[in-house]
Amino acid sequence: MVAAAKDLSHLLSNEAKARNPSALKVAFKYFGNPDIVFLGGGLPLADYFPWNKITTESPAAPFAKGIGAVPETDEEKVVVDLVKFNKDITHEKDIPLARSLQYGSTEGQKELIDFLKEHTKIVHNVPYDDWGLITTVGNTEAWDSILRTFCNRGDTILVESHTFPSALETCRGLGVNTFPVPMDDFGIIPEKLETLMDAWVGPKPKLLYTIPTGQNPTGSSLSPERRRAIYKVAQKHDFIILEDEPYYFLQMDEYTRDASARESKGVHSHKEFISALVDSFIKIDTEGRVIRLDSFSKVLAPGTRFGWIVAQSALLERLVRLHEVTIQNPSGFSQAIVNGLLQRWGQEGYIDWLIGLRAEYTHKRDVAIDSVVKYFPSEVVHFIPPVAGMFFTVHFDASKHPKFATEFGSDPLKVENALYEAGLAEGCLMIPGSWFLSEGQSVPPQEVAIKEKSTSIFFRGTYAAVPLDQLAAGLQKFGTAASREFGF
């Protein structure tokens, strides 16, 4: 039998420990029971919902014409008719509108939960017994809930040295201190994380927040070896790893400039696709000290506002108590529509879709990096082609700017601003790396110096937001601006 998760309740916040189950939510388990007249809640009759039927049309797996093609024949289409009552449903695993539009289960609708659990088993095969998942309104909401469930005001958590600004702002608003962990071109440096924690002064962090695959903003991805080394540090110092993974399924083939090699690459079967995915933290978690945030925002659509949390059941129970009095449950429309599509695709069809995304994003990445190679001044730049996600970064040696030691006073940030303005003037916007800088301090102040002075600056670009011709044209413009700034 697989072992159970380790008890990590001592890492909960005071707020989370104080939460009790909602009495009303407990009573709702009797709603729909034919033997009980339910007079316990303010639930409107489904007869009064003004939607009797919702019809959606999507491409059918296995997407013979590509995932971006518009279906033309009936064989190329998946038509989902979502109807109000059970007696009228056309697929046994549809969620009837009478249920999906009612006050729903905080954990999520059962049909969709079951699909996501099976998906998680196929991809991650969590190696302990008592794990589960609950639905969210996307990873931004999930992160806020995680902080409130584990951190008290004044606590310190670990974050990557450059990270998603909204995640940092959430910490700031809740009074949670952040401490940056050193990174290189390939993500968190495990040896520096361990040195940092071994010398930590005062109460140790409860959480490490990481975007390990296609990291935002750097585009870096942690190798399996680094993930295992980081997990060992978490075990040694008893903290939870929060893996925020919206880009996990946007993994790609390694970049090559050889056109013939590109044609021979790619994954062509479900087995190849699953094998090509880097091991997630949840896949190597034997103690239940990883919390995984997943989302449909990058693989289906951001406007679904639908995601899920995978973790040990005891910790999920605390999150459910919070959701009962905050989000209640994700949108019933979203759950019914997403579930209707996934049930018709099935697990195999969904993986077909993800394989298609892999091919699309690999091509987009190739066009972006080809353009950087072609248009950017190689004398002052370096970059690592990303293997996942939506972002790439281009690093510049600020010390080689002709004004660095004079007009700019040897300040790399002044070079960064000059490049940003020059790019805008030329007609292309890329985001300065300093906008993503993590800053913060432990309490009491940490004595280990982890910041190293550098004259390197970087800019973040994305290949996801514009058509390929605009992508190449934009990078040509930024490259022209950079060459002019550096005097080439």
Protein backbone atom coordinates (compact mmCIF):
# COMPACT_ATOMS: atom_id res chain seq x y z
CA MET A 1 0.00 0.00 0.00
CA VAL A 2 1.19 3.51 -0.79
CA ALA A 3 2.21 5.52 2.27
CA ALA A 4 0.09 8.39 3.58
CA ALA A 5 1.20 12.02 3.48
CA LYS A 6 3.18 13.53 6.35
CA ASP A 7 1.27 15.65 8.88
CA LEU A 8 2.14 19.26 8.03
CA SER A 9 -0.63 20.94 10.02
CA HIS A 10 1.98 22.80 12.11
CA LEU A 11 2.67 24.93 9.01
CA LEU A 12 -0.90 26.26 8.83
CA SER A 13 -1.63 29.90 9.63
CA ASN A 14 -3.57 30.94 12.72
CA GLU A 15 -6.43 31.96 10.42
CA ALA A 16 -6.53 28.52 8.80
CA LYS A 17 -6.40 26.66 12.13
CA ALA A 18 -9.37 28.67 13.40
CA ARG A 19 -11.67 27.85 10.47
CA ASN A 20 -14.64 25.57 11.05
CA PRO A 21 -16.83 23.90 8.42
CA SER A 22 -19.68 26.07 7.19
CA ALA A 23 -22.84 24.78 8.88
CA LEU A 24 -24.89 25.62 5.80
CA LYS A 25 -22.49 23.80 3.50
CA VAL A 26 -22.71 20.71 5.72
CA ALA A 27 -26.51 20.81 5.42
CA PHE A 28 -26.31 21.04 1.63
CA LYS A 29 -25.41 17.37 1.37
CA TYR A 30 -29.13 16.68 1.84
CA PHE A 31 -30.11 18.87 -1.12
CA GLY A 32 -31.49 16.69 -3.89
CA ASN A 33 -32.24 13.76 -1.59
CA PRO A 34 -35.70 12.57 -2.69
CA ASP A 35 -36.53 11.45 0.86
CA ILE A 36 -36.00 14.91 2.39
CA VAL A 37 -37.92 18.12 1.79
CA PHE A 38 -35.03 20.58 1.75
CA LEU A 39 -36.02 23.88 3.34
CA GLY A 40 -32.55 24.70 4.57
CA GLY A 41 -31.10 27.15 2.03
CA GLY A 42 -31.90 30.08 -0.23
CA LEU A 43 -31.66 28.08 -3.44
CA PRO A 44 -33.84 29.32 -6.30
CA LEU A 45 -35.79 26.71 -8.25
CA ALA A 46 -33.97 25.57 -11.37
CA ASP A 47 -37.24 26.26 -13.22
CA TYR A 48 -36.44 29.95 -12.81
CA PHE A 49 -32.99 29.77 -14.43
CA PRO A 50 -33.38 31.54 -17.80
CA TRP A 51 -31.07 29.13 -19.62
CA ASN A 52 -32.70 25.94 -20.85
CA LYS A 53 -29.95 24.87 -23.20
CA ILE A 54 -26.41 25.91 -24.10
CA THR A 55 -24.80 24.59 -27.27
CA THR A 56 -21.06 24.76 -27.88
CA GLU A 57 -19.05 23.70 -30.90
CA SER A 58 -15.39 22.66 -30.69
CA PRO A 59 -12.88 20.80 -32.86
CA ALA A 60 -12.95 17.03 -32.50
CA ALA A 61 -9.92 14.97 -31.49
CA PRO A 62 -7.48 13.92 -32.95
CA PHE A 63 -7.36 17.33 -34.74
CA ALA A 64 -6.31 16.09 -38.15
CA LYS A 65 -6.16 19.64 -39.56
CA GLY A 66 -4.37 21.09 -36.52
CA ILE A 67 -5.64 22.59 -33.30
CA GLY A 68 -6.13 26.04 -34.83
CA ALA A 69 -8.31 24.88 -37.72
CA VAL A 70 -12.01 25.74 -37.87
CA PRO A 71 -14.12 22.55 -38.06
CA GLU A 72 -16.01 22.25 -41.35
CA THR A 73 -17.65 18.82 -41.45
CA ASP A 74 -19.72 17.15 -38.73
CA GLU A 75 -16.91 14.60 -38.24
CA GLU A 76 -14.52 17.43 -37.35
CA LYS A 77 -16.84 18.91 -34.72
CA VAL A 78 -17.74 18.20 -31.12
CA VAL A 79 -21.17 19.63 -30.41
CA VAL A 80 -22.09 19.86 -26.74
CA ASP A 81 -25.73 20.45 -25.83
CA LEU A 82 -25.92 21.41 -22.16
CA VAL A 83 -29.50 21.11 -20.96
CA LYS A 84 -31.30 22.03 -17.78
CA PHE A 85 -32.47 18.71 -16.35
CA ASN A 86 -30.98 15.22 -15.98
CA LYS A 87 -33.72 13.59 -18.03
CA ASP A 88 -32.67 15.56 -21.12
CA ILE A 89 -28.87 15.20 -21.03
CA THR A 90 -27.20 13.70 -24.09
CA HIS A 91 -23.99 12.51 -22.40
CA GLU A 92 -24.02 10.56 -19.15
CA LYS A 93 -21.17 12.64 -17.70
CA ASP A 94 -22.60 16.06 -18.56
CA ILE A 95 -23.43 18.39 -15.70
CA PRO A 96 -27.07 19.46 -16.08
CA LEU A 97 -27.65 23.21 -15.91
CA ALA A 98 -30.09 22.78 -13.06
CA ARG A 99 -27.11 21.66 -10.96
CA SER A 100 -24.24 23.65 -12.46
CA LEU A 101 -26.10 26.97 -12.13
CA GLN A 102 -27.16 26.28 -8.55
CA TYR A 103 -25.08 26.97 -5.45
CA GLY A 104 -22.60 24.17 -5.95
CA SER A 105 -20.08 21.98 -4.24
CA THR A 106 -17.11 24.03 -3.03
CA GLU A 107 -14.73 21.27 -4.08
CA GLY A 108 -16.10 21.34 -7.64
CA GLN A 109 -18.60 19.36 -9.72
CA LYS A 110 -17.98 15.62 -9.35
CA GLU A 111 -17.81 14.83 -13.08
CA LEU A 112 -15.05 17.37 -13.64
CA ILE A 113 -13.20 16.43 -10.44
CA ASP A 114 -13.18 12.79 -11.56
CA PHE A 115 -11.79 13.73 -14.98
CA LEU A 116 -9.02 15.86 -13.44
CA LYS A 117 -8.10 13.16 -10.94
CA GLU A 118 -7.68 10.64 -13.73
CA HIS A 119 -5.65 13.19 -15.71
CA THR A 120 -3.42 13.75 -12.66
CA LYS A 121 -2.86 10.00 -12.25
CA ILE A 122 -1.89 9.65 -15.91
CA VAL A 123 0.56 12.57 -15.92
CA HIS A 124 1.91 12.77 -12.37
CA ASN A 125 1.09 9.49 -10.58
CA VAL A 126 1.32 11.08 -7.12
CA PRO A 127 3.43 8.69 -4.98
CA TYR A 128 1.43 8.77 -1.74
CA ASP A 129 -2.04 7.58 -0.95
CA ASP A 130 -4.15 10.39 0.55
CA TRP A 131 -3.98 13.08 -2.13
CA GLY A 132 -6.85 14.86 -3.80
CA LEU A 133 -7.78 17.99 -5.69
CA ILE A 134 -10.20 20.89 -5.41
CA THR A 135 -11.25 23.43 -8.00
CA THR A 136 -10.32 27.14 -8.01
CA VAL A 137 -11.01 30.32 -9.92
CA GLY A 138 -7.55 30.10 -11.47
CA ASN A 139 -4.05 30.19 -10.01
CA THR A 140 -4.18 33.85 -8.94
CA GLU A 141 -7.07 33.14 -6.57
CA ALA A 142 -5.47 29.87 -5.51
CA TRP A 143 -2.23 31.65 -4.53
CA ASP A 144 -4.13 34.13 -2.36
CA SER A 145 -5.90 31.21 -0.65
CA ILE A 146 -2.62 29.36 -0.08
CA LEU A 147 -1.02 32.39 1.60
CA ARG A 148 -4.01 32.90 3.86
CA THR A 149 -4.06 29.22 4.77
CA PHE A 150 -0.38 28.91 5.71
CA CYS A 151 0.99 32.35 6.53
CA ASN A 152 0.39 34.76 9.35
CA ARG A 153 1.13 38.47 8.98
CA GLY A 154 4.87 38.91 9.43
CA ASP A 155 5.81 35.41 8.21
CA THR A 156 8.50 35.02 5.55
CA ILE A 157 8.31 32.87 2.44
CA LEU A 158 10.88 32.04 -0.24
CA VAL A 159 10.41 33.26 -3.82
CA GLU A 160 12.52 33.16 -6.97
CA SER A 161 14.82 36.15 -7.45
CA HIS A 162 12.66 37.28 -10.38
CA THR A 163 9.01 36.26 -10.35
CA PHE A 164 5.41 37.12 -11.25
CA PRO A 165 4.69 40.63 -9.87
CA SER A 166 1.08 39.86 -8.96
CA ALA A 167 2.27 37.01 -6.72
CA LEU A 168 4.53 39.46 -4.88
CA GLU A 169 1.74 42.02 -4.56
CA THR A 170 -0.49 39.38 -3.00
CA CYS A 171 2.18 38.77 -0.36
CA ARG A 172 2.57 42.48 0.28
CA GLY A 173 -1.15 42.98 0.79
CA LEU A 174 -1.31 40.15 3.33
CA GLY A 175 1.76 41.35 5.23
CA VAL A 176 3.87 38.33 4.21
CA ASN A 177 7.60 38.97 3.77
CA THR A 178 9.33 37.56 0.70
CA PHE A 179 12.96 36.46 0.48
CA PRO A 180 14.53 35.98 -2.98
CA VAL A 181 16.37 32.76 -3.82
CA PRO A 182 19.21 32.98 -6.39
CA MET A 183 18.56 31.78 -9.93
CA ASP A 184 20.61 31.29 -13.07
CA ASP A 185 19.57 30.61 -16.66
CA PHE A 186 18.10 27.27 -15.56
CA GLY A 187 16.08 28.35 -12.53
CA ILE A 188 16.64 28.10 -8.77
CA ILE A 189 20.18 27.06 -7.81
CA PRO A 190 19.68 24.24 -5.26
CA GLU A 191 23.12 24.63 -3.65
CA LYS A 192 22.50 28.31 -2.93
CA LEU A 193 19.03 27.52 -1.56
CA GLU A 194 20.56 24.98 0.83
CA THR A 195 23.31 27.39 1.92
CA LEU A 196 20.69 30.02 2.55
CA MET A 197 18.50 27.73 4.65
CA ASP A 198 21.40 26.21 6.61
CA ALA A 199 22.38 29.70 7.78
CA TRP A 200 18.84 31.00 8.32
CA VAL A 201 18.28 33.19 11.38
CA GLY A 202 14.93 33.15 13.20
CA PRO A 203 11.68 31.40 12.22
CA LYS A 204 12.15 29.52 8.97
CA PRO A 205 9.96 30.00 5.90
CA LYS A 206 6.91 27.76 5.55
CA LEU A 207 6.68 28.04 1.77
CA LEU A 208 8.80 28.17 -1.36
CA TYR A 209 6.86 29.74 -4.24
CA THR A 210 8.19 28.62 -7.61
CA ILE A 211 7.10 28.64 -11.25
CA PRO A 212 9.34 25.71 -12.21
CA THR A 213 8.38 25.19 -15.86
CA GLY A 214 8.52 28.03 -18.39
CA GLN A 215 9.14 30.41 -15.50
CA ASN A 216 7.61 33.87 -15.61
CA PRO A 217 9.53 36.04 -16.41
CA THR A 218 12.79 34.21 -17.22
CA GLY A 219 11.44 31.35 -19.35
CA SER A 220 13.71 28.96 -17.42
CA SER A 221 12.74 25.39 -16.54
CA LEU A 222 14.10 23.36 -13.65
CA SER A 223 15.74 20.07 -14.60
CA PRO A 224 14.65 16.83 -12.89
CA GLU A 225 17.96 16.85 -10.96
CA ARG A 226 17.38 20.36 -9.63
CA ARG A 227 13.80 19.54 -8.65
CA ARG A 228 14.94 16.56 -6.62
CA ALA A 229 17.70 18.57 -4.95
CA ILE A 230 15.25 21.36 -4.05
CA TYR A 231 12.80 18.79 -2.68
CA LYS A 232 15.52 17.41 -0.40
CA VAL A 233 16.16 20.91 0.95
CA ALA A 234 12.42 21.25 1.64
CA GLN A 235 12.48 17.96 3.57
CA LYS A 236 15.57 18.99 5.52
CA HIS A 237 14.18 22.38 6.52
CA ASP A 238 10.48 21.44 6.69
CA PHE A 239 8.83 23.81 4.26
CA ILE A 240 6.18 23.34 1.57
CA ILE A 241 6.91 23.70 -2.14
CA LEU A 242 4.19 25.58 -3.97
CA GLU A 243 4.55 24.79 -7.67
CA ASP A 244 2.59 27.25 -9.80
CA GLU A 245 2.32 25.43 -13.13
CA PRO A 246 0.11 27.18 -15.71
CA TYR A 247 2.78 26.62 -18.40
CA TYR A 248 3.55 22.97 -17.62
CA PHE A 249 1.91 21.60 -20.77
CA LEU A 250 3.59 24.19 -22.98
CA GLN A 251 6.80 22.16 -22.97
CA MET A 252 8.65 21.95 -26.28
CA ASP A 253 11.44 20.29 -28.19
CA GLU A 254 14.88 21.78 -27.65
CA TYR A 255 15.73 24.63 -30.01
CA THR A 256 17.85 23.93 -33.05
CA ARG A 257 18.64 26.09 -36.08
CA ASP A 258 18.83 23.01 -38.30
CA ALA A 259 15.59 22.95 -40.33
CA SER A 260 15.85 19.24 -41.14
CA ALA A 261 16.38 18.43 -37.45
CA ARG A 262 13.25 20.40 -36.58
CA GLU A 263 11.19 18.33 -39.00
CA SER A 264 12.35 15.09 -37.42
CA LYS A 265 11.57 16.22 -33.88
CA GLY A 266 8.28 16.29 -32.05
CA VAL A 267 6.19 13.77 -30.14
CA HIS A 268 3.78 11.59 -32.07
CA SER A 269 2.15 9.34 -29.47
CA HIS A 270 0.61 9.73 -26.04
CA LYS A 271 3.40 7.67 -24.51
CA GLU A 272 6.07 9.88 -26.09
CA PHE A 273 4.26 12.99 -24.90
CA ILE A 274 3.97 11.86 -21.29
CA SER A 275 7.59 10.63 -21.27
CA ALA A 276 8.81 13.97 -22.64
CA LEU A 277 7.26 15.93 -19.76
CA VAL A 278 9.70 16.90 -17.02
CA ASP A 279 8.84 15.32 -13.66
CA SER A 280 6.70 17.71 -11.65
CA PHE A 281 7.37 18.35 -7.98
CA ILE A 282 4.10 16.58 -7.14
CA LYS A 283 5.37 13.49 -8.99
CA ILE A 284 8.46 13.21 -6.72
CA ASP A 285 6.62 14.17 -3.52
CA THR A 286 6.59 11.22 -1.10
CA GLU A 287 5.56 13.24 1.98
CA GLY A 288 2.71 15.46 0.79
CA ARG A 289 4.75 18.65 1.11
CA VAL A 290 4.08 19.86 -2.45
CA ILE A 291 1.01 21.89 -3.38
CA ARG A 292 0.43 22.10 -7.12
CA LEU A 293 -1.57 24.86 -8.80
CA ASP A 294 -2.97 23.89 -12.21
CA SER A 295 -5.06 25.92 -14.62
CA PHE A 296 -6.81 25.85 -17.98
CA SER A 297 -5.83 29.49 -18.62
CA LYS A 298 -2.91 28.69 -20.92
CA VAL A 299 -4.16 25.46 -22.51
CA LEU A 300 -7.88 26.22 -23.10
CA ALA A 301 -8.71 29.87 -22.33
CA PRO A 302 -7.94 32.39 -19.55
CA GLY A 303 -11.58 33.47 -19.40
CA THR A 304 -12.70 30.07 -18.15
CA ARG A 305 -11.36 31.27 -14.76
CA PHE A 306 -10.98 27.66 -13.79
CA GLY A 307 -8.11 25.86 -12.13
CA TRP A 308 -7.41 23.24 -9.48
CA ILE A 309 -5.13 22.50 -6.55
CA VAL A 310 -3.49 19.10 -6.04
CA ALA A 311 -2.26 18.35 -2.51
CA GLN A 312 -2.63 16.02 0.43
CA SER A 313 -6.23 15.76 1.60
CA ALA A 314 -5.66 17.17 5.09
CA LEU A 315 -4.34 20.45 3.67
CA LEU A 316 -7.06 20.62 1.03
CA GLU A 317 -9.67 20.41 3.78
CA ARG A 318 -8.37 23.68 5.23
CA LEU A 319 -8.52 25.33 1.81
CA VAL A 320 -12.11 24.15 1.34
CA ARG A 321 -13.06 25.85 4.61
CA LEU A 322 -11.68 29.12 3.22
CA HIS A 323 -13.36 28.70 -0.18
CA GLU A 324 -16.70 28.08 1.51
CA VAL A 325 -16.73 31.70 2.67
CA THR A 326 -14.89 33.33 -0.26
CA ILE A 327 -15.36 31.98 -3.81
CA GLN A 328 -18.00 29.34 -2.79
CA ASN A 329 -17.30 27.54 -6.08
CA PRO A 330 -16.03 28.30 -9.59
CA SER A 331 -18.53 29.46 -12.22
CA GLY A 332 -21.21 26.89 -12.99
CA PHE A 333 -21.17 27.94 -16.64
CA SER A 334 -17.44 27.32 -16.90
CA GLN A 335 -17.59 23.97 -15.13
CA ALA A 336 -20.44 22.70 -17.34
CA ILE A 337 -18.89 23.89 -20.61
CA VAL A 338 -15.35 22.71 -19.87
CA ASN A 339 -16.58 19.38 -18.53
CA GLY A 340 -18.85 18.83 -21.55
CA LEU A 341 -15.90 19.27 -23.91
CA LEU A 342 -13.43 17.17 -21.92
CA GLN A 343 -15.87 14.29 -21.44
CA ARG A 344 -16.36 14.09 -25.22
CA TRP A 345 -12.66 14.40 -25.95
CA GLY A 346 -11.79 11.90 -23.20
CA GLN A 347 -8.35 11.61 -21.68
CA GLU A 348 -6.84 10.62 -25.03
CA GLY A 349 -8.46 13.50 -26.89
CA TYR A 350 -7.28 16.00 -24.28
CA ILE A 351 -3.72 14.71 -24.63
CA ASP A 352 -4.09 15.03 -28.42
CA TRP A 353 -4.93 18.70 -27.81
CA LEU A 354 -1.88 19.14 -25.57
CA ILE A 355 0.34 17.48 -28.20
CA GLY A 356 -0.98 20.00 -30.71
CA LEU A 357 -0.16 22.87 -28.36
CA ARG A 358 3.36 21.52 -27.96
CA ALA A 359 3.89 21.64 -31.73
CA GLU A 360 2.40 25.14 -32.03
CA TYR A 361 4.48 26.62 -29.22
CA THR A 362 7.64 24.92 -30.43
CA HIS A 363 7.20 26.65 -33.77
CA LYS A 364 6.44 30.01 -32.15
CA ARG A 365 9.53 29.69 -29.94
CA ASP A 366 11.67 28.82 -32.98
CA VAL A 367 10.50 31.92 -34.88
CA ALA A 368 11.27 34.12 -31.87
CA ILE A 369 14.75 32.72 -31.27
CA ASP A 370 15.57 32.74 -34.99
CA SER A 371 14.74 36.44 -34.97
CA VAL A 372 16.87 37.15 -31.91
CA VAL A 373 19.81 35.35 -33.54
CA LYS A 374 19.30 37.29 -36.75
CA TYR A 375 18.62 40.80 -35.47
CA PHE A 376 20.14 41.28 -32.01
CA PRO A 377 23.78 42.40 -31.54
CA SER A 378 25.55 39.17 -30.64
CA GLU A 379 28.52 41.09 -29.20
CA VAL A 380 26.52 42.17 -26.14
CA VAL A 381 23.72 39.60 -25.73
CA HIS A 382 23.27 36.06 -24.50
CA PHE A 383 20.15 33.93 -24.19
CA ILE A 384 19.02 30.40 -23.46
CA PRO A 385 16.20 29.23 -25.76
CA PRO A 386 13.30 28.21 -23.50
CA VAL A 387 12.02 24.63 -23.44
CA ALA A 388 8.61 25.54 -22.03
CA GLY A 389 6.17 28.37 -21.55
CA MET A 390 5.34 31.60 -23.33
CA PHE A 391 8.39 33.71 -22.54
CA PHE A 392 11.99 34.17 -23.59
CA THR A 393 14.61 36.50 -22.18
CA VAL A 394 17.51 38.29 -23.83
CA HIS A 395 20.38 39.36 -21.56
CA PHE A 396 22.56 42.38 -22.33
CA ASP A 397 25.97 43.24 -20.89
CA ALA A 398 25.23 46.78 -19.71
CA SER A 399 28.92 47.53 -19.17
CA LYS A 400 29.43 47.51 -22.95
CA HIS A 401 27.03 50.42 -23.47
CA PRO A 402 29.07 53.45 -24.61
CA LYS A 403 27.52 55.66 -21.90
CA PHE A 404 27.75 53.08 -19.07
CA ALA A 405 30.76 54.50 -17.18
CA THR A 406 30.07 58.15 -18.02
CA GLU A 407 26.55 59.46 -18.43
CA PHE A 408 24.94 56.41 -16.78
CA GLY A 409 27.31 56.32 -13.80
CA SER A 410 27.94 52.55 -14.13
CA ASP A 411 24.27 51.92 -13.31
CA PRO A 412 22.88 48.93 -15.28
CA LEU A 413 19.30 50.08 -14.66
CA LYS A 414 19.95 53.28 -16.61
CA VAL A 415 21.06 51.17 -19.55
CA GLU A 416 17.92 49.07 -19.13
CA ASN A 417 15.71 52.15 -19.23
CA ALA A 418 17.53 53.53 -22.27
CA LEU A 419 16.99 50.22 -24.11
CA TYR A 420 13.33 50.14 -23.11
CA GLU A 421 12.74 53.66 -24.41
CA ALA A 422 14.72 52.95 -27.58
CA GLY A 423 12.63 49.86 -28.26
CA LEU A 424 9.40 51.79 -27.81
CA ALA A 425 10.62 54.54 -30.13
CA GLU A 426 11.44 51.91 -32.75
CA GLY A 427 8.02 50.30 -32.36
CA CYS A 428 8.49 47.23 -30.13
CA LEU A 429 7.78 46.75 -26.43
CA MET A 430 9.66 44.21 -24.36
CA ILE A 431 9.51 44.21 -20.56
CA PRO A 432 12.60 45.16 -18.50
CA GLY A 433 13.73 42.41 -16.16
CA SER A 434 13.91 44.74 -13.16
CA TRP A 435 10.12 44.96 -13.19
CA PHE A 436 10.05 41.36 -11.96
CA LEU A 437 12.72 41.69 -9.27
CA SER A 438 11.85 40.05 -5.97
CA GLU A 439 12.77 42.10 -2.94
CA GLY A 440 12.21 41.42 0.73
CA GLN A 441 13.81 40.47 3.99
CA SER A 442 13.43 37.91 6.72
CA VAL A 443 12.53 38.78 10.29
CA PRO A 444 14.99 39.09 11.98
CA PRO A 445 17.15 40.24 9.05
CA GLN A 446 18.90 37.42 7.24
CA GLU A 447 22.67 37.68 7.41
CA VAL A 448 23.52 35.52 4.40
CA ALA A 449 24.40 37.72 1.43
CA ILE A 450 22.96 36.13 -1.71
CA LYS A 451 22.87 39.09 -4.06
CA GLU A 452 25.77 39.36 -6.44
CA LYS A 453 26.56 42.56 -8.29
CA SER A 454 26.22 42.15 -12.01
CA THR A 455 26.25 44.33 -15.09
CA SER A 456 23.83 41.98 -16.85
CA ILE A 457 20.29 43.14 -17.58
CA PHE A 458 17.51 41.31 -19.40
CA PHE A 459 14.27 41.89 -21.25
CA ARG A 460 11.30 39.53 -21.35
CA GLY A 461 9.47 38.85 -24.57
CA THR A 462 6.60 36.54 -25.46
CA TYR A 463 5.90 34.59 -28.62
CA ALA A 464 2.31 33.89 -27.57
CA ALA A 465 0.60 37.25 -28.03
CA VAL A 466 0.98 38.14 -31.73
CA PRO A 467 0.96 36.42 -35.16
CA LEU A 468 4.31 35.09 -36.36
CA ASP A 469 4.92 37.84 -38.93
CA GLN A 470 4.40 40.53 -36.28
CA LEU A 471 6.61 38.61 -33.87
CA ALA A 472 9.53 38.58 -36.30
CA ALA A 473 8.96 42.21 -37.30
CA GLY A 474 8.80 43.34 -33.68
CA LEU A 475 12.02 41.58 -32.74
CA GLN A 476 13.73 43.09 -35.76
CA LYS A 477 12.70 46.52 -34.47
CA PHE A 478 13.96 45.85 -30.95
CA GLY A 479 17.18 44.39 -32.30
CA THR A 480 17.69 47.50 -34.44
CA ALA A 481 17.12 49.71 -31.40
CA ALA A 482 19.55 47.67 -29.29
CA SER A 483 22.25 47.77 -31.97
CA ARG A 484 21.90 51.53 -32.22
CA GLU A 485 22.04 51.96 -28.44
CA PHE A 486 25.23 49.90 -28.16
CA GLY A 487 26.85 51.63 -31.13
CA PHE A 488 26.79 48.82 -33.69
